[in-house]
Protein backbone atom coordinates (compact mmCIF):
# COMPACT_ATOMS: atom_id res chain seq x y z
CA UNK A 1 -63.23 -32.65 -22.03
CA UNK A 2 -64.16 -35.12 -24.72
CA UNK A 3 -66.91 -34.07 -27.13
CA UNK A 4 -68.04 -36.56 -29.73
CA UNK A 5 -70.40 -36.45 -32.70
CA UNK A 6 -73.41 -37.50 -30.62
CA UNK A 7 -73.06 -34.44 -28.36
CA UNK A 8 -72.92 -32.12 -31.35
CA UNK A 9 -75.96 -33.78 -32.94
CA UNK A 10 -77.96 -33.42 -29.72
CA UNK A 11 -77.44 -29.64 -29.82
CA UNK A 12 -78.38 -29.50 -33.51
CA UNK A 13 -81.56 -31.55 -32.94
CA UNK A 14 -82.47 -29.30 -29.99
CA UNK A 15 -82.17 -26.27 -32.25
CA UNK A 16 -84.40 -27.87 -34.90
CA UNK A 17 -87.01 -28.88 -32.32
CA UNK A 18 -87.07 -25.31 -30.98
CA UNK A 19 -87.58 -23.97 -34.49
CA UNK A 20 -90.41 -26.43 -35.01
CA UNK A 21 -92.11 -25.39 -31.78
CA UNK A 22 -92.03 -21.73 -32.79
CA UNK A 23 -93.38 -22.53 -36.25
CA UNK A 24 -96.14 -24.66 -34.72
CA UNK A 25 -97.11 -21.82 -32.41
CA UNK A 26 -97.46 -19.49 -35.40
CA UNK A 27 -99.53 -22.14 -37.24
CA UNK A 28 -101.70 -22.62 -34.12
CA UNK A 29 -101.34 -26.41 -34.17
CA UNK A 30 -101.99 -27.39 -30.55
CA UNK A 31 -100.94 -31.04 -30.85
CA UNK A 32 -97.64 -30.14 -32.54
CA UNK A 33 -96.95 -27.45 -29.94
CA UNK A 34 -97.57 -29.86 -27.05
CA UNK A 35 -95.49 -32.63 -28.56
CA UNK A 36 -92.72 -30.18 -29.44
CA UNK A 37 -92.59 -28.67 -25.96
CA UNK A 38 -92.29 -32.11 -24.36
CA UNK A 39 -89.57 -33.10 -26.85
CA UNK A 40 -87.79 -29.80 -26.32
CA UNK A 41 -87.85 -30.26 -22.55
CA UNK A 42 -86.31 -33.74 -22.85
CA UNK A 43 -83.62 -32.55 -25.23
CA UNK A 44 -82.80 -29.48 -23.12
CA UNK A 45 -82.44 -31.73 -20.08
CA UNK A 46 -80.12 -34.04 -22.04
CA UNK A 47 -78.12 -31.04 -23.27
CA UNK A 48 -77.80 -29.86 -19.69
CA UNK A 49 -76.44 -33.23 -18.66
CA UNK A 50 -73.98 -33.19 -21.56
CA UNK A 51 -72.69 -29.76 -20.53
CA UNK A 52 -72.56 -30.74 -16.85
CA UNK A 53 -70.55 -33.90 -17.40
CA UNK A 54 -68.34 -32.32 -20.07
CA UNK A 55 -67.32 -29.50 -17.75
CA UNK A 56 -67.05 -31.70 -14.68
CA UNK A 57 -64.45 -33.87 -16.41
CA UNK A 58 -66.05 -37.24 -15.69
């Protein structure tokens, strides 16, 4: 299993996007919530791929 800096940064950015979505929900900013949810979905999918290929050993 080889984990590099990019993989770690993807998880950190996912965390920050999730925090931003929750803060946008509290601020009732609909555009920011929509944009954040789409971004969060893309980053969660990418994180899933990182975990899948890291554990598969490819």
